[in-house]
N, C-alpha and C. Protein backbone atom coordinates (compact mmCIF):
# COMPACT_ATOMS: atom_id res chain seq x y z
N MET A 1 -83.18 -54.31 72.37
CA MET A 1 -82.21 -54.54 73.44
C MET A 1 -82.77 -55.58 74.41
N MET A 2 -81.96 -56.54 74.80
CA MET A 2 -82.41 -57.61 75.67
C MET A 2 -82.07 -57.29 77.12
N VAL A 3 -83.06 -57.28 78.01
CA VAL A 3 -82.83 -57.04 79.43
C VAL A 3 -83.53 -58.13 80.22
N THR A 4 -83.09 -58.33 81.46
CA THR A 4 -83.64 -59.43 82.25
C THR A 4 -84.72 -58.97 83.22
N SER A 5 -84.84 -57.67 83.48
CA SER A 5 -85.84 -57.19 84.41
C SER A 5 -86.04 -55.70 84.23
N VAL A 6 -87.15 -55.19 84.79
CA VAL A 6 -87.40 -53.75 84.78
C VAL A 6 -86.30 -53.03 85.54
N TYR A 7 -85.81 -53.64 86.62
CA TYR A 7 -84.72 -53.04 87.41
C TYR A 7 -83.47 -52.86 86.57
N ASP A 8 -83.10 -53.92 85.83
CA ASP A 8 -81.92 -53.83 84.97
C ASP A 8 -82.12 -52.77 83.90
N TYR A 9 -83.33 -52.69 83.35
CA TYR A 9 -83.60 -51.71 82.30
C TYR A 9 -83.44 -50.30 82.85
N THR A 10 -83.91 -50.07 84.07
CA THR A 10 -83.78 -48.75 84.69
C THR A 10 -82.32 -48.37 84.87
N ILE A 11 -81.51 -49.33 85.33
CA ILE A 11 -80.07 -49.07 85.51
C ILE A 11 -79.43 -48.72 84.17
N ILE A 12 -79.76 -49.50 83.13
CA ILE A 12 -79.17 -49.27 81.81
C ILE A 12 -79.56 -47.90 81.28
N MET A 13 -80.82 -47.49 81.45
CA MET A 13 -81.26 -46.19 80.96
C MET A 13 -80.54 -45.07 81.69
N CYS A 14 -80.32 -45.22 83.00
CA CYS A 14 -79.58 -44.22 83.77
C CYS A 14 -78.15 -44.10 83.25
N ILE A 15 -77.51 -45.22 83.01
CA ILE A 15 -76.14 -45.22 82.49
C ILE A 15 -76.08 -44.53 81.14
N MET A 16 -77.07 -44.82 80.29
CA MET A 16 -77.09 -44.22 78.97
C MET A 16 -77.07 -42.70 79.05
N PHE A 17 -77.95 -42.13 79.85
CA PHE A 17 -78.07 -40.68 79.87
C PHE A 17 -77.01 -40.01 80.72
N GLU A 18 -76.49 -40.69 81.73
CA GLU A 18 -75.40 -40.13 82.53
C GLU A 18 -74.13 -39.99 81.71
N ASN A 19 -73.95 -40.88 80.73
CA ASN A 19 -72.73 -40.88 79.94
C ASN A 19 -72.85 -40.12 78.63
N LEU A 20 -74.05 -39.67 78.27
CA LEU A 20 -74.25 -39.04 76.99
C LEU A 20 -73.42 -37.78 76.82
N ASP A 21 -73.48 -36.87 77.83
CA ASP A 21 -72.74 -35.61 77.73
C ASP A 21 -71.24 -35.85 77.67
N SER A 22 -70.74 -36.76 78.49
CA SER A 22 -69.30 -37.00 78.53
C SER A 22 -68.82 -37.64 77.22
N LEU A 23 -69.66 -38.44 76.59
CA LEU A 23 -69.26 -39.06 75.33
C LEU A 23 -69.16 -38.03 74.20
N THR A 24 -70.07 -37.07 74.20
CA THR A 24 -70.07 -36.08 73.12
C THR A 24 -68.88 -35.14 73.22
N GLU A 25 -68.19 -35.13 74.35
CA GLU A 25 -67.00 -34.29 74.49
C GLU A 25 -65.76 -34.95 73.91
N ILE A 26 -65.82 -36.24 73.66
CA ILE A 26 -64.66 -36.98 73.14
C ILE A 26 -64.57 -36.79 71.63
N GLU A 27 -63.37 -36.60 71.13
CA GLU A 27 -63.17 -36.43 69.69
C GLU A 27 -62.30 -37.56 69.15
N ILE A 28 -62.75 -38.17 68.07
CA ILE A 28 -61.99 -39.21 67.37
C ILE A 28 -61.86 -38.79 65.91
N GLU A 29 -60.65 -38.79 65.43
CA GLU A 29 -60.42 -38.42 64.04
C GLU A 29 -61.17 -39.37 63.11
N ASN A 30 -61.86 -38.81 62.13
CA ASN A 30 -62.62 -39.56 61.13
C ASN A 30 -63.90 -40.20 61.67
N LEU A 31 -64.35 -39.78 62.87
CA LEU A 31 -65.60 -40.29 63.41
C LEU A 31 -66.36 -39.16 64.09
N ASP A 32 -67.60 -38.93 63.66
CA ASP A 32 -68.43 -37.89 64.25
C ASP A 32 -69.32 -38.51 65.32
N ILE A 33 -68.87 -38.46 66.56
CA ILE A 33 -69.59 -39.10 67.66
C ILE A 33 -70.93 -38.43 67.91
N ASN A 34 -70.98 -37.10 67.84
CA ASN A 34 -72.24 -36.39 68.07
C ASN A 34 -73.32 -36.82 67.09
N LYS A 35 -72.98 -36.85 65.81
CA LYS A 35 -73.95 -37.25 64.80
C LYS A 35 -74.28 -38.74 64.92
N GLY A 36 -73.28 -39.53 65.31
CA GLY A 36 -73.52 -40.95 65.50
C GLY A 36 -74.54 -41.21 66.59
N LEU A 37 -74.37 -40.53 67.73
CA LEU A 37 -75.32 -40.68 68.82
C LEU A 37 -76.70 -40.19 68.42
N HIS A 38 -76.74 -39.11 67.64
CA HIS A 38 -78.03 -38.59 67.17
C HIS A 38 -78.72 -39.62 66.28
N ARG A 39 -77.95 -40.27 65.40
CA ARG A 39 -78.52 -41.28 64.50
C ARG A 39 -79.16 -42.41 65.30
N PHE A 40 -78.53 -42.76 66.45
CA PHE A 40 -79.05 -43.85 67.27
C PHE A 40 -79.96 -43.35 68.38
N GLY A 41 -80.47 -42.14 68.21
CA GLY A 41 -81.46 -41.60 69.15
C GLY A 41 -80.94 -41.39 70.55
N GLY A 42 -79.63 -41.18 70.70
CA GLY A 42 -79.04 -40.99 72.02
C GLY A 42 -78.89 -42.28 72.79
N ASP A 43 -79.13 -43.42 72.15
CA ASP A 43 -79.02 -44.73 72.81
C ASP A 43 -77.54 -45.12 72.85
N VAL A 44 -76.89 -44.80 73.96
CA VAL A 44 -75.44 -45.00 74.08
C VAL A 44 -75.06 -46.46 73.94
N LEU A 45 -75.81 -47.34 74.57
CA LEU A 45 -75.46 -48.76 74.54
C LEU A 45 -75.51 -49.32 73.12
N THR A 46 -76.54 -48.96 72.38
CA THR A 46 -76.64 -49.44 71.00
C THR A 46 -75.52 -48.85 70.15
N TYR A 47 -75.20 -47.58 70.38
CA TYR A 47 -74.14 -46.93 69.62
C TYR A 47 -72.79 -47.60 69.90
N ILE A 48 -72.50 -47.83 71.18
CA ILE A 48 -71.24 -48.48 71.54
C ILE A 48 -71.19 -49.89 70.96
N SER A 49 -72.31 -50.60 71.02
CA SER A 49 -72.38 -51.95 70.46
C SER A 49 -72.10 -51.93 68.96
N THR A 50 -72.67 -50.95 68.27
CA THR A 50 -72.46 -50.84 66.83
C THR A 50 -71.00 -50.51 66.51
N LEU A 51 -70.40 -49.62 67.31
CA LEU A 51 -68.99 -49.29 67.10
C LEU A 51 -68.10 -50.50 67.33
N ARG A 52 -68.41 -51.29 68.34
CA ARG A 52 -67.63 -52.51 68.59
C ARG A 52 -67.70 -53.46 67.39
N SER A 53 -68.89 -53.63 66.84
CA SER A 53 -69.06 -54.51 65.69
C SER A 53 -68.31 -53.95 64.48
N TYR A 54 -68.42 -52.65 64.29
CA TYR A 54 -67.72 -51.99 63.18
C TYR A 54 -66.21 -52.19 63.30
N SER A 55 -65.68 -51.98 64.50
CA SER A 55 -64.25 -52.15 64.73
C SER A 55 -63.81 -53.58 64.47
N ALA A 56 -64.56 -54.55 65.00
CA ALA A 56 -64.20 -55.96 64.82
C ALA A 56 -64.27 -56.37 63.35
N ASP A 57 -65.30 -55.90 62.65
CA ASP A 57 -65.45 -56.24 61.23
C ASP A 57 -64.29 -55.69 60.41
N LEU A 58 -63.95 -54.42 60.65
CA LEU A 58 -62.87 -53.80 59.89
C LEU A 58 -61.53 -54.46 60.19
N ARG A 59 -61.31 -54.77 61.45
CA ARG A 59 -60.02 -55.40 61.82
C ARG A 59 -59.85 -56.74 61.09
N SER A 60 -60.94 -57.43 60.86
CA SER A 60 -60.86 -58.73 60.18
C SER A 60 -60.56 -58.58 58.69
N MET A 61 -60.69 -57.36 58.16
CA MET A 61 -60.46 -57.13 56.73
C MET A 61 -59.05 -56.65 56.40
N PHE A 62 -58.29 -56.29 57.42
CA PHE A 62 -56.99 -55.66 57.17
C PHE A 62 -56.09 -56.50 56.25
N SER A 63 -55.95 -57.76 56.57
CA SER A 63 -55.02 -58.60 55.81
C SER A 63 -55.44 -58.75 54.35
N ALA A 64 -56.75 -58.73 54.11
CA ALA A 64 -57.27 -58.92 52.76
C ALA A 64 -57.02 -57.72 51.86
N ILE A 65 -56.82 -56.54 52.44
CA ILE A 65 -56.60 -55.35 51.62
C ILE A 65 -55.17 -54.82 51.76
N GLN A 66 -54.33 -55.62 52.41
CA GLN A 66 -52.93 -55.22 52.60
C GLN A 66 -52.21 -55.12 51.26
N ASP A 67 -52.35 -56.14 50.45
CA ASP A 67 -51.70 -56.18 49.14
C ASP A 67 -52.77 -56.35 48.07
N VAL A 68 -52.75 -55.45 47.11
CA VAL A 68 -53.76 -55.47 46.06
C VAL A 68 -53.08 -55.60 44.70
N ASP A 69 -53.59 -56.53 43.89
CA ASP A 69 -53.11 -56.66 42.51
C ASP A 69 -54.28 -57.05 41.63
N GLU A 70 -54.01 -57.28 40.37
CA GLU A 70 -55.08 -57.55 39.41
C GLU A 70 -55.82 -58.84 39.71
N ASN A 71 -55.21 -59.73 40.50
CA ASN A 71 -55.84 -61.01 40.81
C ASN A 71 -56.89 -60.93 41.90
N ASN A 72 -56.83 -59.89 42.73
CA ASN A 72 -57.80 -59.80 43.83
C ASN A 72 -58.60 -58.50 43.80
N LEU A 73 -58.67 -57.84 42.65
CA LEU A 73 -59.42 -56.59 42.53
C LEU A 73 -60.90 -56.79 42.82
N SER A 74 -61.45 -57.90 42.39
CA SER A 74 -62.87 -58.16 42.62
C SER A 74 -63.19 -58.27 44.10
N GLU A 75 -62.35 -59.01 44.84
CA GLU A 75 -62.53 -59.13 46.28
C GLU A 75 -62.30 -57.80 46.97
N TYR A 76 -61.30 -57.08 46.49
CA TYR A 76 -61.00 -55.74 47.05
C TYR A 76 -62.20 -54.81 46.88
N GLU A 77 -62.82 -54.87 45.72
CA GLU A 77 -64.01 -54.04 45.46
C GLU A 77 -65.12 -54.35 46.46
N LYS A 78 -65.37 -55.63 46.72
CA LYS A 78 -66.42 -56.02 47.66
C LYS A 78 -66.11 -55.53 49.07
N ILE A 79 -64.85 -55.62 49.47
CA ILE A 79 -64.46 -55.18 50.81
C ILE A 79 -64.63 -53.67 50.95
N MET A 80 -64.22 -52.93 49.92
CA MET A 80 -64.38 -51.47 49.97
C MET A 80 -65.85 -51.09 50.03
N HIS A 81 -66.67 -51.85 49.33
CA HIS A 81 -68.12 -51.59 49.38
C HIS A 81 -68.65 -51.79 50.80
N SER A 82 -68.19 -52.84 51.46
CA SER A 82 -68.61 -53.11 52.85
C SER A 82 -68.13 -52.02 53.79
N ILE A 83 -66.87 -51.62 53.63
CA ILE A 83 -66.30 -50.58 54.49
C ILE A 83 -67.05 -49.27 54.28
N LYS A 84 -67.37 -48.97 53.03
CA LYS A 84 -68.12 -47.75 52.72
C LYS A 84 -69.45 -47.70 53.47
N GLY A 85 -70.25 -48.75 53.33
CA GLY A 85 -71.56 -48.77 53.96
C GLY A 85 -71.49 -48.75 55.47
N ALA A 86 -70.59 -49.56 56.04
CA ALA A 86 -70.46 -49.63 57.50
C ALA A 86 -69.97 -48.29 58.06
N SER A 87 -69.08 -47.63 57.36
CA SER A 87 -68.52 -46.36 57.83
C SER A 87 -69.57 -45.26 57.80
N TRP A 88 -70.35 -45.23 56.75
CA TRP A 88 -71.42 -44.23 56.70
C TRP A 88 -72.46 -44.49 57.78
N GLU A 89 -72.67 -45.74 58.12
CA GLU A 89 -73.65 -46.09 59.15
C GLU A 89 -73.26 -45.51 60.51
N VAL A 90 -71.97 -45.56 60.86
CA VAL A 90 -71.53 -45.07 62.18
C VAL A 90 -71.05 -43.63 62.12
N LEU A 91 -71.22 -42.98 60.98
CA LEU A 91 -70.82 -41.58 60.78
C LEU A 91 -69.31 -41.41 60.73
N ALA A 92 -68.61 -42.41 60.21
CA ALA A 92 -67.21 -42.24 59.84
C ALA A 92 -67.23 -41.90 58.34
N THR A 93 -67.81 -40.75 58.03
CA THR A 93 -68.18 -40.43 56.65
C THR A 93 -66.97 -40.25 55.74
N GLN A 94 -65.90 -39.66 56.26
CA GLN A 94 -64.73 -39.46 55.42
C GLN A 94 -64.11 -40.80 55.01
N ILE A 95 -64.02 -41.71 55.97
CA ILE A 95 -63.52 -43.06 55.66
C ILE A 95 -64.43 -43.73 54.63
N GLY A 96 -65.73 -43.58 54.81
CA GLY A 96 -66.68 -44.16 53.87
C GLY A 96 -66.52 -43.61 52.46
N SER A 97 -66.30 -42.30 52.35
CA SER A 97 -66.13 -41.69 51.04
C SER A 97 -64.83 -42.13 50.37
N ARG A 98 -63.78 -42.28 51.16
CA ARG A 98 -62.50 -42.76 50.60
C ARG A 98 -62.63 -44.22 50.16
N ALA A 99 -63.38 -45.01 50.93
CA ALA A 99 -63.62 -46.40 50.53
C ALA A 99 -64.40 -46.45 49.22
N GLN A 100 -65.34 -45.53 49.06
CA GLN A 100 -66.10 -45.47 47.82
C GLN A 100 -65.19 -45.16 46.63
N GLU A 101 -64.26 -44.23 46.81
CA GLU A 101 -63.31 -43.90 45.73
C GLU A 101 -62.48 -45.13 45.34
N LEU A 102 -62.05 -45.87 46.35
CA LEU A 102 -61.25 -47.07 46.06
C LEU A 102 -62.10 -48.17 45.45
N GLU A 103 -63.35 -48.25 45.86
CA GLU A 103 -64.28 -49.21 45.25
C GLU A 103 -64.46 -48.91 43.77
N ILE A 104 -64.68 -47.64 43.44
CA ILE A 104 -64.86 -47.23 42.05
C ILE A 104 -63.59 -47.52 41.24
N ALA A 105 -62.45 -47.27 41.86
CA ALA A 105 -61.18 -47.54 41.18
C ALA A 105 -61.03 -49.04 40.90
N ALA A 106 -61.46 -49.87 41.83
CA ALA A 106 -61.37 -51.32 41.64
C ALA A 106 -62.29 -51.77 40.50
N ILE A 107 -63.49 -51.18 40.43
CA ILE A 107 -64.41 -51.52 39.34
C ILE A 107 -63.79 -51.16 37.99
N ALA A 108 -63.10 -50.01 37.98
CA ALA A 108 -62.46 -49.54 36.74
C ALA A 108 -61.10 -50.19 36.50
N LYS A 109 -60.70 -51.06 37.43
CA LYS A 109 -59.38 -51.72 37.36
C LYS A 109 -58.24 -50.70 37.29
N ASN A 110 -58.44 -49.62 38.07
CA ASN A 110 -57.46 -48.53 38.12
C ASN A 110 -56.43 -48.84 39.21
N SER A 111 -55.49 -49.71 38.92
CA SER A 111 -54.50 -50.12 39.91
C SER A 111 -53.59 -48.98 40.33
N ILE A 112 -53.38 -48.03 39.42
CA ILE A 112 -52.50 -46.90 39.75
C ILE A 112 -53.09 -46.09 40.91
N PHE A 113 -54.39 -45.79 40.83
CA PHE A 113 -55.05 -45.04 41.89
C PHE A 113 -55.04 -45.82 43.19
N ILE A 114 -55.34 -47.12 43.11
CA ILE A 114 -55.38 -47.95 44.31
C ILE A 114 -54.00 -48.02 44.97
N ASN A 115 -52.98 -48.27 44.18
CA ASN A 115 -51.62 -48.36 44.73
C ASN A 115 -51.16 -47.05 45.36
N LYS A 116 -51.67 -45.95 44.83
CA LYS A 116 -51.29 -44.64 45.35
C LYS A 116 -51.95 -44.35 46.68
N HIS A 117 -53.18 -44.82 46.86
CA HIS A 117 -53.97 -44.40 48.03
C HIS A 117 -54.24 -45.50 49.06
N ASN A 118 -54.03 -46.75 48.70
CA ASN A 118 -54.45 -47.83 49.59
C ASN A 118 -53.67 -47.88 50.90
N PHE A 119 -52.36 -47.68 50.85
CA PHE A 119 -51.56 -47.78 52.06
C PHE A 119 -51.99 -46.74 53.10
N GLU A 120 -52.13 -45.49 52.66
CA GLU A 120 -52.53 -44.43 53.59
C GLU A 120 -53.93 -44.69 54.13
N PHE A 121 -54.82 -45.18 53.26
CA PHE A 121 -56.18 -45.50 53.70
C PHE A 121 -56.16 -46.58 54.77
N LEU A 122 -55.37 -47.62 54.54
CA LEU A 122 -55.29 -48.72 55.49
C LEU A 122 -54.73 -48.24 56.83
N GLU A 123 -53.73 -47.38 56.80
CA GLU A 123 -53.16 -46.85 58.04
C GLU A 123 -54.19 -46.03 58.81
N ASP A 124 -54.95 -45.20 58.10
CA ASP A 124 -55.99 -44.39 58.75
C ASP A 124 -57.09 -45.29 59.30
N LEU A 125 -57.39 -46.37 58.58
CA LEU A 125 -58.40 -47.31 59.03
C LEU A 125 -57.95 -48.00 60.32
N LYS A 126 -56.69 -48.41 60.38
CA LYS A 126 -56.16 -49.04 61.58
C LYS A 126 -56.20 -48.08 62.77
N LYS A 127 -55.86 -46.83 62.52
CA LYS A 127 -55.88 -45.84 63.61
C LYS A 127 -57.31 -45.63 64.11
N LEU A 128 -58.25 -45.56 63.18
CA LEU A 128 -59.64 -45.38 63.58
C LEU A 128 -60.12 -46.55 64.43
N VAL A 129 -59.80 -47.76 64.01
CA VAL A 129 -60.21 -48.95 64.76
C VAL A 129 -59.58 -48.94 66.16
N ASP A 130 -58.31 -48.61 66.25
CA ASP A 130 -57.65 -48.54 67.56
C ASP A 130 -58.30 -47.47 68.43
N ASP A 131 -58.62 -46.32 67.84
CA ASP A 131 -59.25 -45.23 68.60
C ASP A 131 -60.63 -45.63 69.08
N ILE A 132 -61.37 -46.34 68.23
CA ILE A 132 -62.71 -46.79 68.62
C ILE A 132 -62.62 -47.80 69.76
N ASP A 133 -61.68 -48.74 69.67
CA ASP A 133 -61.51 -49.73 70.73
C ASP A 133 -61.17 -49.05 72.06
N GLU A 134 -60.29 -48.07 72.01
CA GLU A 134 -59.92 -47.33 73.22
C GLU A 134 -61.12 -46.56 73.77
N PHE A 135 -61.90 -45.99 72.87
CA PHE A 135 -63.11 -45.26 73.24
C PHE A 135 -64.11 -46.17 73.95
N CYS A 136 -64.32 -47.36 73.39
CA CYS A 136 -65.27 -48.30 73.98
C CYS A 136 -64.79 -48.80 75.35
N ILE A 137 -63.49 -49.02 75.47
CA ILE A 137 -62.93 -49.44 76.76
C ILE A 137 -63.11 -48.34 77.79
N GLU A 138 -62.86 -47.09 77.38
CA GLU A 138 -63.02 -45.96 78.29
C GLU A 138 -64.46 -45.85 78.76
N PHE A 139 -65.39 -46.05 77.85
CA PHE A 139 -66.80 -46.00 78.22
C PHE A 139 -67.13 -47.08 79.24
N THR A 140 -66.64 -48.29 78.98
CA THR A 140 -66.90 -49.41 79.89
C THR A 140 -66.32 -49.14 81.27
N ASN A 141 -65.14 -48.55 81.32
CA ASN A 141 -64.46 -48.32 82.60
C ASN A 141 -65.05 -47.16 83.38
N ARG A 142 -65.60 -46.17 82.68
CA ARG A 142 -66.03 -44.96 83.38
C ARG A 142 -67.44 -45.07 83.96
N LYS A 143 -68.28 -45.93 83.40
CA LYS A 143 -69.65 -45.94 83.85
C LYS A 143 -69.77 -46.65 85.20
N PRO A 144 -70.71 -46.21 86.06
CA PRO A 144 -70.88 -46.83 87.37
C PRO A 144 -71.36 -48.27 87.24
N LYS A 145 -70.87 -49.13 88.12
CA LYS A 145 -71.24 -50.54 88.06
C LYS A 145 -71.71 -51.04 89.43
N LEU A 146 -72.73 -51.86 89.41
CA LEU A 146 -73.15 -52.56 90.61
C LEU A 146 -72.37 -53.87 90.69
N ILE A 147 -72.42 -54.49 91.86
CA ILE A 147 -71.67 -55.73 92.08
C ILE A 147 -72.63 -56.91 92.10
N ARG A 148 -72.26 -57.95 91.38
CA ARG A 148 -73.00 -59.21 91.42
C ARG A 148 -72.01 -60.34 91.67
N GLU A 149 -72.53 -61.44 92.16
CA GLU A 149 -71.66 -62.58 92.43
C GLU A 149 -71.29 -63.28 91.13
N LYS A 150 -72.31 -63.54 90.29
CA LYS A 150 -72.10 -64.28 89.06
C LYS A 150 -72.84 -63.62 87.90
N VAL A 151 -72.47 -63.99 86.69
CA VAL A 151 -73.18 -63.51 85.51
C VAL A 151 -74.58 -64.09 85.50
N ASP A 152 -75.55 -63.25 85.19
CA ASP A 152 -76.94 -63.69 85.14
C ASP A 152 -77.09 -64.85 84.16
N SER A 153 -77.72 -65.93 84.61
CA SER A 153 -77.82 -67.14 83.80
C SER A 153 -78.67 -66.93 82.54
N VAL A 154 -79.68 -66.06 82.65
CA VAL A 154 -80.52 -65.78 81.48
C VAL A 154 -79.72 -65.06 80.41
N LEU A 155 -78.93 -64.07 80.83
CA LEU A 155 -78.08 -63.36 79.88
C LEU A 155 -77.05 -64.29 79.25
N LEU A 156 -76.48 -65.16 80.07
CA LEU A 156 -75.47 -66.09 79.56
C LEU A 156 -76.07 -67.04 78.54
N SER A 157 -77.27 -67.54 78.83
CA SER A 157 -77.96 -68.43 77.89
C SER A 157 -78.28 -67.70 76.59
N SER A 158 -78.70 -66.44 76.72
CA SER A 158 -79.00 -65.64 75.53
C SER A 158 -77.74 -65.40 74.70
N LEU A 159 -76.62 -65.19 75.39
CA LEU A 159 -75.36 -64.98 74.69
C LEU A 159 -74.96 -66.23 73.91
N ILE A 160 -75.09 -67.38 74.53
CA ILE A 160 -74.74 -68.64 73.87
C ILE A 160 -75.61 -68.86 72.64
N GLN A 161 -76.91 -68.58 72.77
CA GLN A 161 -77.82 -68.75 71.64
C GLN A 161 -77.46 -67.80 70.50
N ALA A 162 -77.14 -66.55 70.85
CA ALA A 162 -76.75 -65.57 69.83
C ALA A 162 -75.47 -65.99 69.13
N CYS A 163 -74.55 -66.61 69.89
CA CYS A 163 -73.31 -67.11 69.30
C CYS A 163 -73.59 -68.27 68.35
N LYS A 164 -74.50 -69.14 68.72
CA LYS A 164 -74.87 -70.26 67.85
C LYS A 164 -75.42 -69.75 66.52
N GLU A 165 -76.21 -68.68 66.60
CA GLU A 165 -76.84 -68.12 65.40
C GLU A 165 -75.93 -67.14 64.68
N TYR A 166 -74.76 -66.89 65.25
CA TYR A 166 -73.80 -65.91 64.71
C TYR A 166 -74.47 -64.56 64.51
N ASN A 167 -75.27 -64.18 65.50
CA ASN A 167 -75.99 -62.91 65.47
C ASN A 167 -75.11 -61.87 66.17
N MET A 168 -74.29 -61.17 65.39
CA MET A 168 -73.29 -60.28 65.96
C MET A 168 -73.92 -59.13 66.73
N SER A 169 -75.04 -58.62 66.25
CA SER A 169 -75.70 -57.50 66.92
C SER A 169 -76.17 -57.90 68.31
N ASP A 170 -76.84 -59.07 68.41
CA ASP A 170 -77.31 -59.53 69.71
C ASP A 170 -76.15 -59.88 70.64
N VAL A 171 -75.10 -60.49 70.09
CA VAL A 171 -73.92 -60.81 70.90
C VAL A 171 -73.34 -59.56 71.54
N ASP A 172 -73.18 -58.51 70.74
CA ASP A 172 -72.60 -57.27 71.26
C ASP A 172 -73.49 -56.63 72.31
N GLU A 173 -74.80 -56.61 72.06
CA GLU A 173 -75.72 -56.00 73.01
C GLU A 173 -75.74 -56.77 74.34
N ILE A 174 -75.75 -58.09 74.25
CA ILE A 174 -75.78 -58.91 75.47
C ILE A 174 -74.48 -58.73 76.26
N MET A 175 -73.34 -58.68 75.56
CA MET A 175 -72.06 -58.48 76.25
C MET A 175 -72.04 -57.14 76.99
N LEU A 176 -72.59 -56.11 76.38
CA LEU A 176 -72.64 -54.81 77.04
C LEU A 176 -73.50 -54.88 78.30
N GLN A 177 -74.57 -55.65 78.25
CA GLN A 177 -75.41 -55.81 79.44
C GLN A 177 -74.66 -56.58 80.53
N ILE A 178 -73.94 -57.63 80.13
CA ILE A 178 -73.16 -58.40 81.10
C ILE A 178 -72.11 -57.51 81.76
N GLU A 179 -71.53 -56.62 80.98
CA GLU A 179 -70.46 -55.75 81.48
C GLU A 179 -70.96 -54.56 82.29
N GLN A 180 -72.26 -54.51 82.55
CA GLN A 180 -72.78 -53.45 83.40
C GLN A 180 -72.38 -53.65 84.87
N TYR A 181 -71.86 -54.82 85.19
CA TYR A 181 -71.61 -55.16 86.59
C TYR A 181 -70.17 -55.60 86.82
N HIS A 182 -69.73 -55.43 88.06
CA HIS A 182 -68.52 -56.09 88.55
C HIS A 182 -68.95 -57.42 89.16
N TYR A 183 -68.14 -58.47 88.98
CA TYR A 183 -68.53 -59.79 89.46
C TYR A 183 -67.51 -60.32 90.46
N ASP A 184 -68.03 -60.81 91.59
CA ASP A 184 -67.15 -61.37 92.62
C ASP A 184 -66.48 -62.65 92.13
N ASP A 185 -67.23 -63.51 91.45
CA ASP A 185 -66.72 -64.82 91.05
C ASP A 185 -66.43 -64.94 89.56
N ASP A 186 -67.11 -64.16 88.74
CA ASP A 186 -67.05 -64.37 87.29
C ASP A 186 -66.27 -63.30 86.53
N GLY A 187 -65.42 -62.56 87.23
CA GLY A 187 -64.67 -61.51 86.56
C GLY A 187 -63.80 -62.03 85.43
N ASP A 188 -63.10 -63.15 85.69
CA ASP A 188 -62.24 -63.74 84.65
C ASP A 188 -63.07 -64.27 83.48
N LEU A 189 -64.25 -64.79 83.79
CA LEU A 189 -65.13 -65.28 82.73
C LEU A 189 -65.56 -64.15 81.81
N VAL A 190 -65.93 -63.02 82.39
CA VAL A 190 -66.39 -61.88 81.59
C VAL A 190 -65.26 -61.39 80.68
N LYS A 191 -64.06 -61.33 81.21
CA LYS A 191 -62.91 -60.91 80.39
C LYS A 191 -62.69 -61.90 79.25
N TRP A 192 -62.79 -63.19 79.56
CA TRP A 192 -62.62 -64.22 78.53
C TRP A 192 -63.69 -64.08 77.45
N LEU A 193 -64.92 -63.86 77.87
CA LEU A 193 -66.01 -63.68 76.91
C LEU A 193 -65.76 -62.47 76.02
N ARG A 194 -65.33 -61.36 76.62
CA ARG A 194 -65.07 -60.15 75.83
C ARG A 194 -63.96 -60.39 74.81
N ASP A 195 -62.90 -61.07 75.23
CA ASP A 195 -61.80 -61.36 74.31
C ASP A 195 -62.28 -62.20 73.12
N LYS A 196 -63.13 -63.18 73.39
CA LYS A 196 -63.64 -64.03 72.32
C LYS A 196 -64.61 -63.28 71.41
N VAL A 197 -65.46 -62.46 72.00
CA VAL A 197 -66.43 -61.71 71.21
C VAL A 197 -65.73 -60.71 70.30
N ASP A 198 -64.67 -60.08 70.80
CA ASP A 198 -63.98 -59.06 70.01
C ASP A 198 -63.34 -59.62 68.75
N VAL A 199 -62.99 -60.90 68.76
CA VAL A 199 -62.40 -61.52 67.56
C VAL A 199 -63.39 -62.50 66.92
N THR A 200 -64.67 -62.38 67.29
CA THR A 200 -65.78 -63.19 66.75
C THR A 200 -65.51 -64.69 66.80
N MET A 201 -64.88 -65.15 67.87
CA MET A 201 -64.67 -66.59 68.06
C MET A 201 -65.84 -67.16 68.85
N TYR A 202 -67.01 -67.08 68.23
CA TYR A 202 -68.24 -67.49 68.91
C TYR A 202 -68.27 -69.00 69.19
N GLY A 203 -67.64 -69.77 68.33
CA GLY A 203 -67.62 -71.21 68.52
C GLY A 203 -66.95 -71.61 69.83
N ASP A 204 -65.91 -70.85 70.24
CA ASP A 204 -65.25 -71.14 71.51
C ASP A 204 -66.21 -70.93 72.68
N ILE A 205 -67.05 -69.91 72.57
CA ILE A 205 -68.02 -69.63 73.64
C ILE A 205 -69.03 -70.75 73.73
N VAL A 206 -69.58 -71.14 72.57
CA VAL A 206 -70.57 -72.23 72.56
C VAL A 206 -69.93 -73.51 73.09
N GLY A 207 -68.71 -73.79 72.64
CA GLY A 207 -68.04 -75.02 73.04
C GLY A 207 -67.76 -75.08 74.53
N ARG A 208 -67.41 -73.96 75.12
CA ARG A 208 -67.09 -73.94 76.55
C ARG A 208 -68.30 -74.32 77.40
N PHE A 209 -69.48 -73.89 76.99
CA PHE A 209 -70.65 -74.11 77.84
C PHE A 209 -71.45 -75.34 77.44
N GLU A 210 -71.15 -75.92 76.28
CA GLU A 210 -71.85 -77.14 75.92
C GLU A 210 -71.06 -78.38 76.30
């Protein structure tokens, strides 16, 4: 995790543990938040960052698995494999297991099974992504924030570098650190950055500051 000072690190650690109990009370269908937090050692910021990445990645796959036929079974298999692994990582285990079933069906070229189950799977996937996005927004809104005039220049430079390298993990972690504060002058900038990060338009971020 990237921090700019011992003071910032102390604030972040306080936020992590103050929000841990309240987060474990939230229930999301097809996502085990308690086990997810345990897997990440109770590190709320890393867990939220991982969920944001998971949500953004899955949302980018929706159109590719909307319609499946014999011409795109190979690509469909790869996408299901990715969804399986990512879902198990964040403890969306049921989604991961269903993705595995569809992956196996694609390998076997079992179009009947895929056509029977793909639509419902996609709908459940969309609901999970929407629920995760709402969950992350709620977390961001509920945690206490200090006030700063502008976004820390070191964090902003780190964000730009992470965008250049297309390092999604670092981008998400840095954005969470930026969002620890309310800003007198840069509120619109932070919202713009979040909108771009959520759809992985990192080039727009690099272009704006270069």
